[in-house]
Amino acid sequence: MNITNTAVLVTGANRGLGRALVEEALRRGAKQVYAGTRKPLAHSDRRVTPLTLDVTNAVQIQEAVEKVESLDILINNAGVALYDDLTDRAALEQHLAVNLFGTHGMSQAFLPALTRSRGAIVNVLSLAALAPLPIIPAYSISKAAAFSLTQSLRALWAARGVSVHAVLAGGIDTDMSRGAYIPKSSPESVARGILEGLENGEEEIFPDPSSASMAESWHSGAAKALEREFAALLNGTAVGA
C-alpha cells in the first residue's frame, strides 16, 4: 500500500493523532483526505474534505458513505478514554459504543468501496489491547475487543482483497492522555509510524518507541501463530478436525 494518489478517510480528525494523520497523509501525497469530525472543520488544503461524522451515529455514517466517491484507506482513529474503576456500567458501554461498535460500523459501511479499490482498514488501538492499563480499564477492555474485531475482519475480508491493520501504540501526547504519567510520543511521530507501517504491509503496527520494543516478540509469538492457524480454518478445515 502506497499512500501516494490514494483517497484516505480519517475519523476523529479534529485534533491530536487524527489531525496528525491527516497532515501525514497529505505529506505522503494522498490525492484526497476525508476528515471526519463531530464538529465542523476548516482546512486550507484543497485535498481535504471535512465530513461531519460521529461514529456512533448510523445516519451520519451513511451520509459519509454517500459523500465519499471512492476510498482506498479507512483509518478508524476516533476514540474515547475515560478514567474509571469498572463500577459504572455506563462508562464501559460508552467506551464500547465508540471504540468497538464505531469501528465496526465504519468498517462495514465502507467495505463495498474498499472492496472495489482493494484497499485497507487501519484501526488505531493501543498496547492496552494486549494488557489492561488499570487506570482506564473500560478503555482497555474496548481496545481488546476492537483488536479481536480487527483480527476477525482481517481473516474474513482477505478474500475481498481488503487488508485490515491494527495499530498497537504506546502513550501519545494528546488531550486524551493528558492525565496519564507514562512515556509519550508526539502525535506527529506516531502518525509517521502508522503510515510507514501501512506502506510496509505490517498487520500489527507498533509506531513508537514504547511499542516498537514489543514488535519482534509479537510477530514471532504464540498468539500471532494461533491467529494464523485459526484464520486458516476459513479455507474449509473444521474446528477440532
C-alpha atoms as a PDB file:
ATOM      1  CA  MET A   1       0.000   0.000   0.000  1.00  0.00           C
ATOM      2  CA  ASN A   2       1.455   3.316  -1.129  1.00  0.00           C
ATOM      3  CA  ILE A   3      -0.210   6.474   0.175  1.00  0.00           C
ATOM      4  CA  THR A   4       0.561   8.472  -2.973  1.00  0.00           C
ATOM      5  CA  ASN A   5      -2.568   9.200  -5.053  1.00  0.00           C
ATOM      6  CA  THR A   6      -4.879   7.427  -2.627  1.00  0.00           C
ATOM      7  CA  ALA A   7      -8.141   8.558  -1.054  1.00  0.00           C
ATOM      8  CA  VAL A   8      -7.963   8.368   2.743  1.00  0.00           C
ATOM      9  CA  LEU A   9     -10.650   8.787   5.412  1.00  0.00           C
ATOM     10  CA  VAL A  10      -9.588   9.591   8.974  1.00  0.00           C
ATOM     11  CA  THR A  11     -12.108   9.623  11.823  1.00  0.00           C
ATOM     12  CA  GLY A  12     -11.541  11.767  14.897  1.00  0.00           C
ATOM     13  CA  ALA A  13      -9.564  14.141  12.695  1.00  0.00           C
ATOM     14  CA  ASN A  14     -10.057  17.378  14.578  1.00  0.00           C
ATOM     15  CA  ARG A  15      -7.111  17.137  16.957  1.00  0.00           C
ATOM     16  CA  GLY A  16      -4.286  15.023  18.330  1.00  0.00           C
ATOM     17  CA  LEU A  17      -3.377  11.915  16.410  1.00  0.00           C
ATOM     18  CA  GLY A  18      -6.287  12.284  13.981  1.00  0.00           C
ATOM     19  CA  ARG A  19      -5.132  15.705  12.850  1.00  0.00           C
ATOM     20  CA  ALA A  20      -1.551  14.444  12.589  1.00  0.00           C
ATOM     21  CA  LEU A  21      -2.725  11.529  10.410  1.00  0.00           C
ATOM     22  CA  VAL A  22      -4.474  13.943   8.048  1.00  0.00           C
ATOM     23  CA  GLU A  23      -1.287  16.002   7.707  1.00  0.00           C
ATOM     24  CA  GLU A  24       0.930  12.942   7.273  1.00  0.00           C
ATOM     25  CA  ALA A  25      -1.335  11.522   4.572  1.00  0.00           C
ATOM     26  CA  LEU A  26      -1.115  14.839   2.722  1.00  0.00           C
ATOM     27  CA  ARG A  27       2.665  14.882   3.133  1.00  0.00           C
ATOM     28  CA  ARG A  28       2.866  11.419   1.619  1.00  0.00           C
ATOM     29  CA  GLY A  29       0.930  12.514  -1.456  1.00  0.00           C
ATOM     30  CA  ALA A  30      -2.654  11.441  -0.835  1.00  0.00           C
ATOM     31  CA  LYS A  31      -4.901  12.866  -3.548  1.00  0.00           C
ATOM     32  CA  GLN A  32      -7.929  13.160  -1.254  1.00  0.00           C
ATOM     33  CA  VAL A  33      -8.272  13.125   2.526  1.00  0.00           C
ATOM     34  CA  TYR A  34     -11.690  12.962   4.138  1.00  0.00           C
ATOM     35  CA  ALA A  35     -11.514  14.352   7.676  1.00  0.00           C
ATOM     36  CA  GLY A  36     -14.298  13.020   9.871  1.00  0.00           C
ATOM     37  CA  THR A  37     -15.131  15.176  12.894  1.00  0.00           C
ATOM     38  CA  ARG A  38     -18.140  15.647  15.143  1.00  0.00           C
ATOM     39  CA  LYS A  39     -17.910  19.432  14.795  1.00  0.00           C
ATOM     40  CA  PRO A  40     -17.347  21.477  11.600  1.00  0.00           C
ATOM     41  CA  LEU A  41     -13.729  21.600  10.436  1.00  0.00           C
ATOM     42  CA  ALA A  42     -11.951  24.010   8.102  1.00  0.00           C
ATOM     43  CA  HIS A  43      -8.689  23.134   6.339  1.00  0.00           C
ATOM     44  CA  SER A  44      -6.548  25.186   3.983  1.00  0.00           C
ATOM     45  CA  ASP A  45      -5.526  22.272   1.730  1.00  0.00           C
ATOM     46  CA  ARG A  46      -7.972  21.715  -1.136  1.00  0.00           C
ATOM     47  CA  ARG A  47      -7.373  17.966  -0.931  1.00  0.00           C
ATOM     48  CA  VAL A  48      -9.096  17.850   2.469  1.00  0.00           C
ATOM     49  CA  THR A  49     -12.859  17.297   2.556  1.00  0.00           C
ATOM     50  CA  PRO A  50     -14.410  17.714   6.012  1.00  0.00           C
ATOM     51  CA  LEU A  51     -17.164  15.275   6.996  1.00  0.00           C
ATOM     52  CA  THR A  52     -19.487  15.744   9.959  1.00  0.00           C
ATOM     53  CA  LEU A  53     -19.142  12.287  11.432  1.00  0.00           C
ATOM     54  CA  ASP A  54     -19.937  10.831  14.816  1.00  0.00           C
ATOM     55  CA  VAL A  55     -19.009   7.153  14.539  1.00  0.00           C
ATOM     56  CA  THR A  56     -21.834   6.212  16.900  1.00  0.00           C
ATOM     57  CA  ASN A  57     -24.414   7.837  14.595  1.00  0.00           C
ATOM     58  CA  ALA A  58     -25.621   5.461  11.871  1.00  0.00           C
ATOM     59  CA  VAL A  59     -27.262   8.281   9.898  1.00  0.00           C
ATOM     60  CA  GLN A  60     -24.040  10.301   9.767  1.00  0.00           C
ATOM     61  CA  ILE A  61     -22.068   7.219   8.745  1.00  0.00           C
ATOM     62  CA  GLN A  62     -24.436   6.617   5.839  1.00  0.00           C
ATOM     63  CA  GLU A  63     -24.257  10.276   4.814  1.00  0.00           C
ATOM     64  CA  ALA A  64     -20.459   9.964   4.793  1.00  0.00           C
ATOM     65  CA  VAL A  65     -20.670   6.882   2.568  1.00  0.00           C
ATOM     66  CA  GLU A  66     -22.769   8.864   0.095  1.00  0.00           C
ATOM     67  CA  LYS A  67     -20.296  11.766   0.043  1.00  0.00           C
ATOM     68  CA  VAL A  68     -17.138   9.683  -0.399  1.00  0.00           C
ATOM     69  CA  GLU A  69     -16.781   8.953  -4.110  1.00  0.00           C
ATOM     70  CA  SER A  70     -14.019   6.384  -3.738  1.00  0.00           C
ATOM     71  CA  LEU A  71     -11.831   5.182  -0.891  1.00  0.00           C
ATOM     72  CA  ASP A  72      -8.518   3.380  -0.610  1.00  0.00           C
ATOM     73  CA  ILE A  73      -7.738   3.660   3.117  1.00  0.00           C
ATOM     74  CA  LEU A  74     -10.054   3.928   6.120  1.00  0.00           C
ATOM     75  CA  ILE A  75      -8.329   4.932   9.364  1.00  0.00           C
ATOM     76  CA  ASN A  76     -10.585   4.290  12.357  1.00  0.00           C
ATOM     77  CA  ASN A  77      -8.966   6.712  14.777  1.00  0.00           C
ATOM     78  CA  ALA A  78     -11.953   8.160  16.680  1.00  0.00           C
ATOM     79  CA  GLY A  79     -11.932   7.008  20.275  1.00  0.00           C
ATOM     80  CA  VAL A  80     -12.746   7.779  23.870  1.00  0.00           C
ATOM     81  CA  ALA A  81     -10.681   7.159  27.014  1.00  0.00           C
ATOM     82  CA  LEU A  82     -12.111   7.944  30.444  1.00  0.00           C
ATOM     83  CA  TYR A  83     -10.702   7.153  33.863  1.00  0.00           C
ATOM     84  CA  ASP A  84     -12.888   4.639  35.692  1.00  0.00           C
ATOM     85  CA  ASP A  85     -12.809   1.634  38.015  1.00  0.00           C
ATOM     86  CA  LEU A  86     -15.453  -0.552  36.304  1.00  0.00           C
ATOM     87  CA  THR A  87     -18.105   0.261  38.897  1.00  0.00           C
ATOM     88  CA  ASP A  88     -20.155   2.216  36.352  1.00  0.00           C
ATOM     89  CA  ARG A  89     -21.546   0.062  33.535  1.00  0.00           C
ATOM     90  CA  ALA A  90     -22.442   3.203  31.572  1.00  0.00           C
ATOM     91  CA  ALA A  91     -18.750   4.094  31.277  1.00  0.00           C
ATOM     92  CA  LEU A  92     -17.974   0.671  29.831  1.00  0.00           C
ATOM     93  CA  GLU A  93     -20.875   0.949  27.402  1.00  0.00           C
ATOM     94  CA  GLN A  94     -19.670   4.377  26.267  1.00  0.00           C
ATOM     95  CA  HIS A  95     -16.206   3.016  25.501  1.00  0.00           C
ATOM     96  CA  LEU A  96     -17.627   0.051  23.615  1.00  0.00           C
ATOM     97  CA  ALA A  97     -20.017   2.284  21.646  1.00  0.00           C
ATOM     98  CA  VAL A  98     -17.153   4.366  20.255  1.00  0.00           C
ATOM     99  CA  ASN A  99     -14.064   2.167  20.297  1.00  0.00           C
ATOM    100  CA  LEU A 100     -15.683  -1.119  19.265  1.00  0.00           C
ATOM    101  CA  PHE A 101     -19.056  -0.546  17.622  1.00  0.00           C
ATOM    102  CA  GLY A 102     -17.976   2.718  15.994  1.00  0.00           C
ATOM    103  CA  THR A 103     -15.047   0.920  14.383  1.00  0.00           C
ATOM    104  CA  HIS A 104     -17.310  -1.945  13.328  1.00  0.00           C
ATOM    105  CA  GLY A 105     -19.959   0.381  11.889  1.00  0.00           C
ATOM    106  CA  MET A 106     -17.466   2.391   9.849  1.00  0.00           C
ATOM    107  CA  SER A 107     -15.726  -0.716   8.538  1.00  0.00           C
ATOM    108  CA  GLN A 108     -18.967  -2.360   7.452  1.00  0.00           C
ATOM    109  CA  ALA A 109     -20.288   0.809   5.834  1.00  0.00           C
ATOM    110  CA  PHE A 110     -17.176   1.389   3.723  1.00  0.00           C
ATOM    111  CA  LEU A 111     -16.492  -2.252   2.882  1.00  0.00           C
ATOM    112  CA  PRO A 112     -18.031  -2.010  -0.622  1.00  0.00           C
ATOM    113  CA  ALA A 113     -15.808   0.965  -1.529  1.00  0.00           C
ATOM    114  CA  LEU A 114     -12.711  -0.697  -0.091  1.00  0.00           C
ATOM    115  CA  THR A 115     -13.511  -3.931  -1.904  1.00  0.00           C
ATOM    116  CA  ARG A 116     -13.663  -2.047  -5.198  1.00  0.00           C
ATOM    117  CA  SER A 117     -10.284  -0.424  -4.544  1.00  0.00           C
ATOM    118  CA  ARG A 118      -8.750  -3.481  -2.840  1.00  0.00           C
ATOM    119  CA  GLY A 119      -7.945  -1.079  -0.057  1.00  0.00           C
ATOM    120  CA  ALA A 120      -7.025  -1.116   3.617  1.00  0.00           C
ATOM    121  CA  ILE A 121      -8.528  -0.508   7.033  1.00  0.00           C
ATOM    122  CA  VAL A 122      -6.295   0.787   9.825  1.00  0.00           C
ATOM    123  CA  ASN A 123      -7.720   0.514  13.341  1.00  0.00           C
ATOM    124  CA  VAL A 124      -5.945   2.718  15.872  1.00  0.00           C
ATOM    125  CA  LEU A 125      -5.779   0.635  19.037  1.00  0.00           C
ATOM    126  CA  SER A 126      -3.319   0.597  21.938  1.00  0.00           C
ATOM    127  CA  LEU A 127      -0.912  -1.596  23.857  1.00  0.00           C
ATOM    128  CA  ALA A 128      -3.802  -1.682  26.342  1.00  0.00           C
ATOM    129  CA  ALA A 129      -5.457  -4.079  23.899  1.00  0.00           C
ATOM    130  CA  LEU A 130      -2.779  -6.632  24.872  1.00  0.00           C
ATOM    131  CA  ALA A 131      -2.663  -5.931  28.617  1.00  0.00           C
ATOM    132  CA  PRO A 132      -5.094  -3.703  30.528  1.00  0.00           C
ATOM    133  CA  LEU A 133      -3.980  -0.369  31.906  1.00  0.00           C
ATOM    134  CA  PRO A 134      -5.666  -0.385  35.344  1.00  0.00           C
ATOM    135  CA  ILE A 135      -6.318   3.364  35.468  1.00  0.00           C
ATOM    136  CA  ILE A 136      -8.507   3.086  32.339  1.00  0.00           C
ATOM    137  CA  PRO A 137      -9.877  -0.465  32.412  1.00  0.00           C
ATOM    138  CA  ALA A 138     -13.042   0.222  30.371  1.00  0.00           C
ATOM    139  CA  TYR A 139     -10.857   1.703  27.629  1.00  0.00           C
ATOM    140  CA  SER A 140      -8.564  -1.320  27.801  1.00  0.00           C
ATOM    141  CA  ILE A 141     -11.498  -3.718  27.502  1.00  0.00           C
ATOM    142  CA  SER A 142     -12.884  -1.851  24.494  1.00  0.00           C
ATOM    143  CA  LYS A 143      -9.500  -1.828  22.746  1.00  0.00           C
ATOM    144  CA  ALA A 144      -9.009  -5.551  23.415  1.00  0.00           C
ATOM    145  CA  ALA A 145     -12.412  -6.177  21.838  1.00  0.00           C
ATOM    146  CA  ALA A 146     -11.528  -3.920  18.902  1.00  0.00           C
ATOM    147  CA  PHE A 147      -8.293  -5.871  18.412  1.00  0.00           C
ATOM    148  CA  SER A 148     -10.250  -9.134  18.210  1.00  0.00           C
ATOM    149  CA  LEU A 149     -12.592  -7.412  15.749  1.00  0.00           C
ATOM    150  CA  THR A 150      -9.595  -6.339  13.675  1.00  0.00           C
ATOM    151  CA  GLN A 151      -8.176  -9.866  13.554  1.00  0.00           C
ATOM    152  CA  SER A 152     -11.578 -11.318  12.678  1.00  0.00           C
ATOM    153  CA  LEU A 153     -12.220  -8.852   9.851  1.00  0.00           C
ATOM    154  CA  ARG A 154      -8.689  -9.447   8.574  1.00  0.00           C
ATOM    155  CA  ALA A 155      -9.435 -13.140   8.134  1.00  0.00           C
ATOM    156  CA  LEU A 156     -12.969 -12.667   6.820  1.00  0.00           C
ATOM    157  CA  TRP A 157     -12.170  -9.949   4.294  1.00  0.00           C
ATOM    158  CA  ALA A 158      -8.831 -11.172   2.953  1.00  0.00           C
ATOM    159  CA  ALA A 159     -10.647 -12.864   0.062  1.00  0.00           C
ATOM    160  CA  ARG A 160     -12.130  -9.483  -0.889  1.00  0.00           C
ATOM    161  CA  GLY A 161      -8.640  -8.009  -1.209  1.00  0.00           C
ATOM    162  CA  VAL A 162      -9.127  -5.744   1.824  1.00  0.00           C
ATOM    163  CA  SER A 163      -6.260  -5.708   4.320  1.00  0.00           C
ATOM    164  CA  VAL A 164      -7.008  -4.902   7.964  1.00  0.00           C
ATOM    165  CA  HIS A 165      -4.290  -3.496  10.213  1.00  0.00           C
ATOM    166  CA  ALA A 166      -4.064  -2.913  13.971  1.00  0.00           C
ATOM    167  CA  VAL A 167      -2.096  -0.016  15.438  1.00  0.00           C
ATOM    168  CA  LEU A 168      -0.767  -1.052  18.844  1.00  0.00           C
ATOM    169  CA  ALA A 169       0.527   2.271  20.072  1.00  0.00           C
ATOM    170  CA  GLY A 170       2.086   3.271  23.351  1.00  0.00           C
ATOM    171  CA  GLY A 171       1.433   6.593  25.061  1.00  0.00           C
ATOM    172  CA  ILE A 172       0.704   9.538  22.760  1.00  0.00           C
ATOM    173  CA  ASP A 173       0.931  13.145  23.915  1.00  0.00           C
ATOM    174  CA  THR A 174      -2.671  14.195  23.253  1.00  0.00           C
ATOM    175  CA  ASP A 175      -5.540  15.663  25.260  1.00  0.00           C
ATOM    176  CA  MET A 176      -6.884  12.137  25.753  1.00  0.00           C
ATOM    177  CA  SER A 177      -3.786  11.055  27.703  1.00  0.00           C
ATOM    178  CA  ARG A 178      -3.041  14.362  29.402  1.00  0.00           C
ATOM    179  CA  GLY A 179      -3.504  12.959  32.916  1.00  0.00           C
ATOM    180  CA  ALA A 180      -1.569   9.727  32.373  1.00  0.00           C
ATOM    181  CA  TYR A 181       2.004   9.884  33.665  1.00  0.00           C
ATOM    182  CA  ILE A 182       3.552   7.460  31.197  1.00  0.00           C
ATOM    183  CA  PRO A 183       6.155   7.826  28.422  1.00  0.00           C
ATOM    184  CA  LYS A 184       4.526   9.561  25.452  1.00  0.00           C
ATOM    185  CA  SER A 185       5.409  10.188  21.824  1.00  0.00           C
ATOM    186  CA  SER A 186       4.281  13.138  19.746  1.00  0.00           C
ATOM    187  CA  PRO A 187       1.180  12.648  17.557  1.00  0.00           C
ATOM    188  CA  GLU A 188       3.232  13.600  14.507  1.00  0.00           C
ATOM    189  CA  SER A 189       5.850  10.892  15.058  1.00  0.00           C
ATOM    190  CA  VAL A 190       3.170   8.273  15.734  1.00  0.00           C
ATOM    191  CA  ALA A 191       1.290   9.262  12.563  1.00  0.00           C
ATOM    192  CA  ARG A 192       4.503   8.791  10.580  1.00  0.00           C
ATOM    193  CA  GLY A 193       4.994   5.385  12.162  1.00  0.00           C
ATOM    194  CA  ILE A 194       1.432   4.318  11.373  1.00  0.00           C
ATOM    195  CA  LEU A 195       1.527   5.210   7.696  1.00  0.00           C
ATOM    196  CA  GLU A 196       5.028   3.824   7.311  1.00  0.00           C
ATOM    197  CA  GLY A 197       3.821   0.550   8.826  1.00  0.00           C
ATOM    198  CA  LEU A 198       0.860   0.514   6.453  1.00  0.00           C
ATOM    199  CA  GLU A 199       3.106   1.096   3.453  1.00  0.00           C
ATOM    200  CA  ASN A 200       5.302  -1.775   4.676  1.00  0.00           C
ATOM    201  CA  GLY A 201       2.288  -4.077   4.887  1.00  0.00           C
ATOM    202  CA  GLU A 202       2.545  -4.701   8.631  1.00  0.00           C
ATOM    203  CA  GLU A 203      -0.585  -6.374  10.036  1.00  0.00           C
ATOM    204  CA  GLU A 204       0.232  -5.104  13.525  1.00  0.00           C
ATOM    205  CA  ILE A 205       1.842  -1.690  13.531  1.00  0.00           C
ATOM    206  CA  PHE A 206       3.955  -0.651  16.530  1.00  0.00           C
ATOM    207  CA  PRO A 207       4.522   3.027  15.666  1.00  0.00           C
ATOM    208  CA  ASP A 208       6.508   4.471  18.575  1.00  0.00           C
ATOM    209  CA  PRO A 209       9.487   3.606  20.794  1.00  0.00           C
ATOM    210  CA  SER A 210       7.330   2.309  23.663  1.00  0.00           C
ATOM    211  CA  SER A 211       5.516  -0.157  21.443  1.00  0.00           C
ATOM    212  CA  ALA A 212       8.294  -0.957  18.953  1.00  0.00           C
ATOM    213  CA  SER A 213      10.182  -2.922  21.589  1.00  0.00           C
ATOM    214  CA  MET A 214       7.358  -5.473  21.518  1.00  0.00           C
ATOM    215  CA  ALA A 215       7.119  -5.863  17.752  1.00  0.00           C
ATOM    216  CA  GLU A 216       9.555  -8.738  17.260  1.00  0.00           C
ATOM    217  CA  SER A 217       8.192 -10.824  20.141  1.00  0.00           C
ATOM    218  CA  TRP A 218       4.617 -10.278  18.946  1.00  0.00           C
ATOM    219  CA  HIS A 219       5.265 -11.217  15.327  1.00  0.00           C
ATOM    220  CA  SER A 220       7.121 -14.399  16.325  1.00  0.00           C
ATOM    221  CA  GLY A 221       4.981 -15.256  19.331  1.00  0.00           C
ATOM    222  CA  ALA A 222       2.388 -17.906  20.076  1.00  0.00           C
ATOM    223  CA  ALA A 223      -0.596 -15.532  19.909  1.00  0.00           C
ATOM    224  CA  LYS A 224       0.224 -14.451  16.351  1.00  0.00           C
ATOM    225  CA  ALA A 225       0.827 -18.051  15.301  1.00  0.00           C
ATOM    226  CA  LEU A 226      -2.551 -19.017  16.757  1.00  0.00           C
ATOM    227  CA  GLU A 227      -4.261 -16.196  14.856  1.00  0.00           C
ATOM    228  CA  ARG A 228      -2.832 -17.519  11.585  1.00  0.00           C
ATOM    229  CA  GLU A 229      -3.820 -21.072  12.489  1.00  0.00           C
ATOM    230  CA  PHE A 230      -7.410 -20.072  13.245  1.00  0.00           C
ATOM    231  CA  ALA A 231      -7.634 -17.897  10.117  1.00  0.00           C
ATOM    232  CA  ALA A 232      -6.665 -20.925   8.026  1.00  0.00           C
ATOM    233  CA  LEU A 233      -9.915 -22.581   9.135  1.00  0.00           C
ATOM    234  CA  LEU A 234     -11.733 -20.366   6.655  1.00  0.00           C
ATOM    235  CA  ASN A 235     -10.165 -22.461   3.908  1.00  0.00           C
ATOM    236  CA  GLY A 236     -12.533 -25.288   4.796  1.00  0.00           C
ATOM    237  CA  THR A 237     -10.946 -27.139   7.691  1.00  0.00           C
ATOM    238  CA  ALA A 238     -13.440 -27.652  10.525  1.00  0.00           C
ATOM    239  CA  VAL A 239     -12.597 -26.535  14.037  1.00  0.00           C
ATOM    240  CA  GLY A 240     -11.307 -29.528  16.001  1.00  0.00           C
ATOM    241  CA  ALA A 241     -10.597 -31.591  12.889  1.00  0.00           C
END
